[in-house]
Amino acid sequence: MTLNAFLTSFFFLQMVTSKEGTTTTTESKSLFDIIMGSSVSGLVVITILFTLSIVAVYIIIERYSTLSRAGQVDQNFMNSIRNSVENGNLQAAKALCQSVDAPMARMVEKGLDRIGKPLDDINKSIENVGNLELLKLEKNLSTLASISGIAPMIGLLGTVIGLIISFQDMANEKGTITAQTLSSGIYHALTATAFGLFVSIIAMAGYNVLVNKLDEVIFKMENTAMQFMDLLQEPSR
């Protein structure tokens, strides 16, 4: 009897497990199916978030490439400028600055154009060029920061709208409301929040990386300006 009971229990568990696995396989849906099964308002929110994600990725790639190029200046750049200035060959120094596509080179070129004027005027000219270059380098960073803050709120708005529609449909439905009906509307609504958080994480991570990259370029710009001003003051020492 004990063996028969054991075998009966074993086969019963196998049948239950098989049924549960079949049910899970049948009811499981991919993320794409969940998104496409959302309401019209949910699809609108998802479309907005998808557009924001594309904009965020574009800004991250474009700004990272720009900042990387801006920071790639040969270490011998200032040595070459120093040699040309000490030899009195300002044209060669300006030609070297024009051949380098970097904020530091444009700052030095502006300083070379002001040689012969008071050092304060030269320093202010270099600072003005540096500020203009900084504005160019910061382009679209505020947009990326805005996306990281707005995306979760848009996703939350989509979830709230989805829940309102879901509960409204259940209120209008006759008969007993099952847990499956309730959960189906909720997980469709929560998809917007999840997508909004995903977009926000990408934008925030990219923003932090770009800010660190920008700080490196600013440090190189300030260091180059100091070296150039020290170069102009050397003859008077």
Protein backbone atom coordinates (compact mmCIF):
# COMPACT_ATOMS: atom_id res chain seq x y z
CA MET A 1 0.00 0.00 0.00
CA THR A 2 2.80 2.39 0.82
CA LEU A 3 4.46 1.86 -2.57
CA ASN A 4 1.17 2.28 -4.39
CA ALA A 5 0.44 5.49 -2.47
CA PHE A 6 3.91 6.82 -3.26
CA LEU A 7 3.56 6.09 -6.98
CA THR A 8 0.10 7.62 -7.06
CA SER A 9 1.37 10.80 -5.38
CA PHE A 10 4.36 10.96 -7.71
CA PHE A 11 2.25 10.71 -10.88
CA PHE A 12 -0.22 13.23 -9.47
CA LEU A 13 2.56 15.75 -8.86
CA GLN A 14 3.92 15.16 -12.36
CA MET A 15 0.49 15.87 -13.85
CA VAL A 16 0.06 19.06 -11.78
CA THR A 17 3.52 20.30 -12.72
CA SER A 18 2.89 19.56 -16.38
CA LYS A 19 -0.40 21.46 -16.28
CA GLU A 20 1.19 24.45 -14.51
CA GLY A 21 4.02 24.53 -17.05
CA THR A 22 1.52 24.41 -19.89
CA THR A 23 -0.52 27.21 -18.34
CA THR A 24 2.57 29.36 -17.80
CA THR A 25 3.72 28.81 -21.36
CA THR A 26 0.32 29.66 -22.71
CA GLU A 27 -0.16 32.82 -20.64
CA SER A 28 3.37 34.21 -20.83
CA LYS A 29 3.77 37.19 -23.15
CA SER A 30 6.73 39.04 -24.51
CA LEU A 31 7.31 42.72 -23.73
CA PHE A 32 6.34 43.60 -27.30
CA ASP A 33 3.01 41.77 -26.92
CA ILE A 34 2.33 43.60 -23.66
CA ILE A 35 3.07 46.98 -25.26
CA MET A 36 0.94 46.27 -28.33
CA GLY A 37 -1.87 45.06 -26.10
CA SER A 38 -1.98 48.37 -24.23
CA SER A 39 -4.70 50.95 -24.68
CA VAL A 40 -4.44 53.82 -27.13
CA SER A 41 -3.25 56.19 -24.39
CA GLY A 42 -0.64 53.63 -23.34
CA LEU A 43 0.65 53.33 -26.89
CA VAL A 44 0.88 57.13 -27.13
CA VAL A 45 2.93 57.29 -23.91
CA ILE A 46 5.19 54.46 -25.05
CA THR A 47 5.72 56.22 -28.40
CA ILE A 48 6.70 59.44 -26.61
CA LEU A 49 9.13 57.58 -24.36
CA PHE A 50 10.60 55.70 -27.32
CA THR A 51 11.17 59.02 -29.11
CA LEU A 52 12.85 60.45 -26.00
CA SER A 53 15.10 57.40 -25.78
CA ILE A 54 16.25 57.91 -29.39
CA VAL A 55 16.95 61.60 -28.71
CA ALA A 56 18.87 60.72 -25.53
CA VAL A 57 21.03 58.10 -27.25
CA TYR A 58 21.76 60.50 -30.12
CA ILE A 59 22.83 63.28 -27.72
CA ILE A 60 25.03 60.91 -25.73
CA ILE A 61 26.84 59.59 -28.81
CA GLU A 62 27.18 63.00 -30.50
CA ARG A 63 28.36 64.85 -27.39
CA TYR A 64 30.77 62.12 -26.35
CA SER A 65 32.35 62.18 -29.81
CA THR A 66 32.59 65.99 -29.74
CA LEU A 67 34.07 66.14 -26.24
CA SER A 68 36.56 63.40 -27.08
CA ARG A 69 37.80 65.35 -30.11
CA ALA A 70 37.93 68.57 -28.08
CA GLY A 71 40.20 66.99 -25.50
CA GLN A 72 42.61 65.37 -27.98
CA VAL A 73 45.39 67.95 -28.19
CA ASP A 74 49.00 66.95 -28.70
CA GLN A 75 51.11 67.46 -25.60
CA ASN A 76 53.73 69.14 -27.78
CA PHE A 77 51.22 71.77 -28.91
CA MET A 78 52.21 74.35 -26.31
CA ASN A 79 55.91 73.55 -26.77
CA SER A 80 55.58 74.33 -30.48
CA ILE A 81 53.71 77.56 -29.67
CA ARG A 82 56.41 78.50 -27.18
CA ASN A 83 59.21 77.95 -29.70
CA SER A 84 57.42 79.99 -32.38
CA VAL A 85 56.69 82.90 -30.02
CA GLU A 86 60.24 82.96 -28.63
CA ASN A 87 61.59 83.05 -32.19
CA GLY A 88 59.18 85.85 -33.08
CA ASN A 89 57.40 83.75 -35.68
CA LEU A 90 53.80 84.51 -34.73
CA GLN A 91 52.44 83.50 -38.14
CA ALA A 92 53.73 79.95 -37.66
CA ALA A 93 52.11 79.85 -34.22
CA LYS A 94 48.77 81.04 -35.65
CA ALA A 95 49.00 78.51 -38.48
CA LEU A 96 49.53 75.76 -35.93
CA CYS A 97 46.46 76.90 -33.97
CA GLN A 98 44.34 76.95 -37.12
CA SER A 99 45.40 73.41 -37.98
CA VAL A 100 44.15 72.07 -34.64
CA ASP A 101 40.38 71.77 -34.25
CA ALA A 102 40.13 72.20 -30.48
CA PRO A 103 38.94 74.91 -28.05
CA MET A 104 42.43 75.27 -26.60
CA ALA A 105 43.88 76.10 -30.01
CA ARG A 106 41.26 78.78 -30.66
CA MET A 107 41.93 80.33 -27.26
CA VAL A 108 45.67 80.50 -27.95
CA GLU A 109 45.03 81.92 -31.43
CA LYS A 110 42.98 84.72 -29.91
CA GLY A 111 45.78 85.43 -27.47
CA LEU A 112 48.31 85.56 -30.29
CA ASP A 113 46.15 88.12 -32.11
CA ARG A 114 46.26 90.33 -29.00
CA ILE A 115 50.02 90.19 -28.45
CA GLY A 116 51.34 93.72 -27.94
CA LYS A 117 48.37 94.80 -25.84
CA PRO A 118 48.21 94.79 -22.01
CA LEU A 119 48.22 91.36 -20.41
CA ASP A 120 44.82 91.98 -18.80
CA ASP A 121 43.27 92.58 -22.22
CA ILE A 122 44.87 89.41 -23.57
CA ASN A 123 43.63 87.42 -20.58
CA LYS A 124 40.08 88.74 -20.97
CA SER A 125 40.09 87.93 -24.68
CA ILE A 126 41.16 84.36 -23.95
CA GLU A 127 38.48 84.05 -21.26
CA ASN A 128 35.78 85.29 -23.65
CA VAL A 129 36.77 82.75 -26.28
CA GLY A 130 36.86 80.06 -23.59
CA ASN A 131 33.33 80.93 -22.47
CA LEU A 132 32.04 80.76 -26.03
CA GLU A 133 33.72 77.39 -26.55
CA LEU A 134 32.24 76.15 -23.28
CA LEU A 135 28.74 77.04 -24.44
CA LYS A 136 29.33 75.01 -27.60
CA LEU A 137 30.58 72.04 -25.58
CA GLU A 138 27.56 72.15 -23.25
CA LYS A 139 25.13 72.00 -26.18
CA ASN A 140 22.15 69.65 -25.55
CA LEU A 141 23.38 68.61 -22.08
CA SER A 142 20.43 70.43 -20.50
CA THR A 143 18.10 68.56 -22.87
CA LEU A 144 19.59 65.26 -21.75
CA ALA A 145 19.15 66.23 -18.09
CA SER A 146 15.53 67.18 -18.80
CA ILE A 147 14.86 63.80 -20.43
CA SER A 148 16.23 61.98 -17.38
CA GLY A 149 13.80 63.89 -15.16
CA ILE A 150 10.75 63.93 -17.42
CA ALA A 151 10.77 60.32 -18.63
CA PRO A 152 9.74 58.71 -15.29
CA MET A 153 6.92 61.23 -14.87
CA ILE A 154 5.62 60.55 -18.37
CA GLY A 155 5.75 56.82 -17.62
CA LEU A 156 3.91 57.37 -14.34
CA LEU A 157 1.28 59.44 -16.15
CA GLY A 158 0.79 56.59 -18.62
CA THR A 159 0.39 54.15 -15.73
CA VAL A 160 -2.19 56.32 -13.96
CA ILE A 161 -4.18 56.78 -17.17
CA GLY A 162 -4.00 53.03 -17.85
CA LEU A 163 -5.23 52.21 -14.34
CA ILE A 164 -8.10 54.67 -14.66
CA ILE A 165 -9.19 53.08 -17.92
CA SER A 166 -8.74 49.58 -16.49
CA PHE A 167 -10.84 50.27 -13.39
CA GLN A 168 -13.45 52.04 -15.50
CA ASP A 169 -13.75 48.98 -17.73
CA MET A 170 -14.09 46.75 -14.65
CA ALA A 171 -16.75 49.04 -13.20
CA ASN A 172 -18.77 48.75 -16.41
CA GLU A 173 -18.27 44.99 -16.60
CA LYS A 174 -21.16 42.84 -15.45
CA GLY A 175 -20.60 39.82 -13.29
CA THR A 176 -17.72 38.82 -11.04
CA ILE A 177 -14.35 40.42 -11.67
CA THR A 178 -11.59 37.82 -11.67
CA ALA A 179 -8.04 38.30 -10.49
CA GLN A 180 -6.85 37.62 -14.04
CA THR A 181 -8.89 40.52 -15.39
CA LEU A 182 -7.57 42.84 -12.69
CA SER A 183 -3.92 41.84 -13.07
CA SER A 184 -4.06 42.07 -16.88
CA GLY A 185 -5.01 45.74 -16.77
CA ILE A 186 -2.44 46.51 -14.07
CA TYR A 187 0.59 44.98 -15.80
CA HIS A 188 -0.34 46.70 -19.04
CA ALA A 189 -0.44 50.02 -17.19
CA LEU A 190 2.83 49.42 -15.31
CA THR A 191 4.66 48.88 -18.60
CA ALA A 192 4.74 52.66 -19.14
CA THR A 193 6.39 53.25 -15.77
CA ALA A 194 9.01 50.58 -16.40
CA PHE A 195 9.82 52.03 -19.83
CA GLY A 196 9.99 55.55 -18.38
CA LEU A 197 12.46 54.45 -15.72
CA PHE A 198 14.53 52.65 -18.34
CA VAL A 199 14.79 55.80 -20.47
CA SER A 200 15.62 57.89 -17.39
CA ILE A 201 18.44 55.56 -16.36
CA ILE A 202 20.02 55.75 -19.82
CA ALA A 203 19.75 59.55 -19.94
CA MET A 204 21.05 60.05 -16.40
CA ALA A 205 24.00 57.69 -16.87
CA GLY A 206 24.90 59.34 -20.17
CA TYR A 207 24.61 62.81 -18.62
CA ASN A 208 27.01 61.93 -15.80
CA VAL A 209 29.53 60.49 -18.25
CA LEU A 210 29.36 63.61 -20.43
CA VAL A 211 29.73 65.96 -17.45
CA ASN A 212 32.88 64.14 -16.37
CA LYS A 213 34.19 64.34 -19.93
CA LEU A 214 33.37 68.06 -20.05
CA ASP A 215 35.24 68.67 -16.78
CA GLU A 216 38.35 67.10 -18.31
CA VAL A 217 38.14 69.42 -21.33
CA ILE A 218 37.60 72.48 -19.09
CA PHE A 219 40.67 71.56 -17.05
CA LYS A 220 42.76 71.32 -20.23
CA MET A 221 41.41 74.69 -21.44
CA GLU A 222 42.31 76.39 -18.16
CA ASN A 223 45.72 74.76 -18.10
CA THR A 224 46.44 75.88 -21.67
CA ALA A 225 45.37 79.47 -20.89
CA MET A 226 47.67 79.57 -17.85
CA GLN A 227 50.61 78.23 -19.85
CA PHE A 228 50.08 80.83 -22.57
CA MET A 229 49.87 83.71 -20.09
CA ASP A 230 53.01 82.45 -18.36
CA LEU A 231 54.70 82.37 -21.76
CA LEU A 232 53.86 86.04 -22.37
CA GLN A 233 55.17 87.07 -18.97
CA GLU A 234 58.49 85.24 -19.24
CA PRO A 235 60.39 88.02 -21.07
CA SER A 236 59.54 90.49 -18.30
CA ARG A 237 60.90 88.29 -15.52
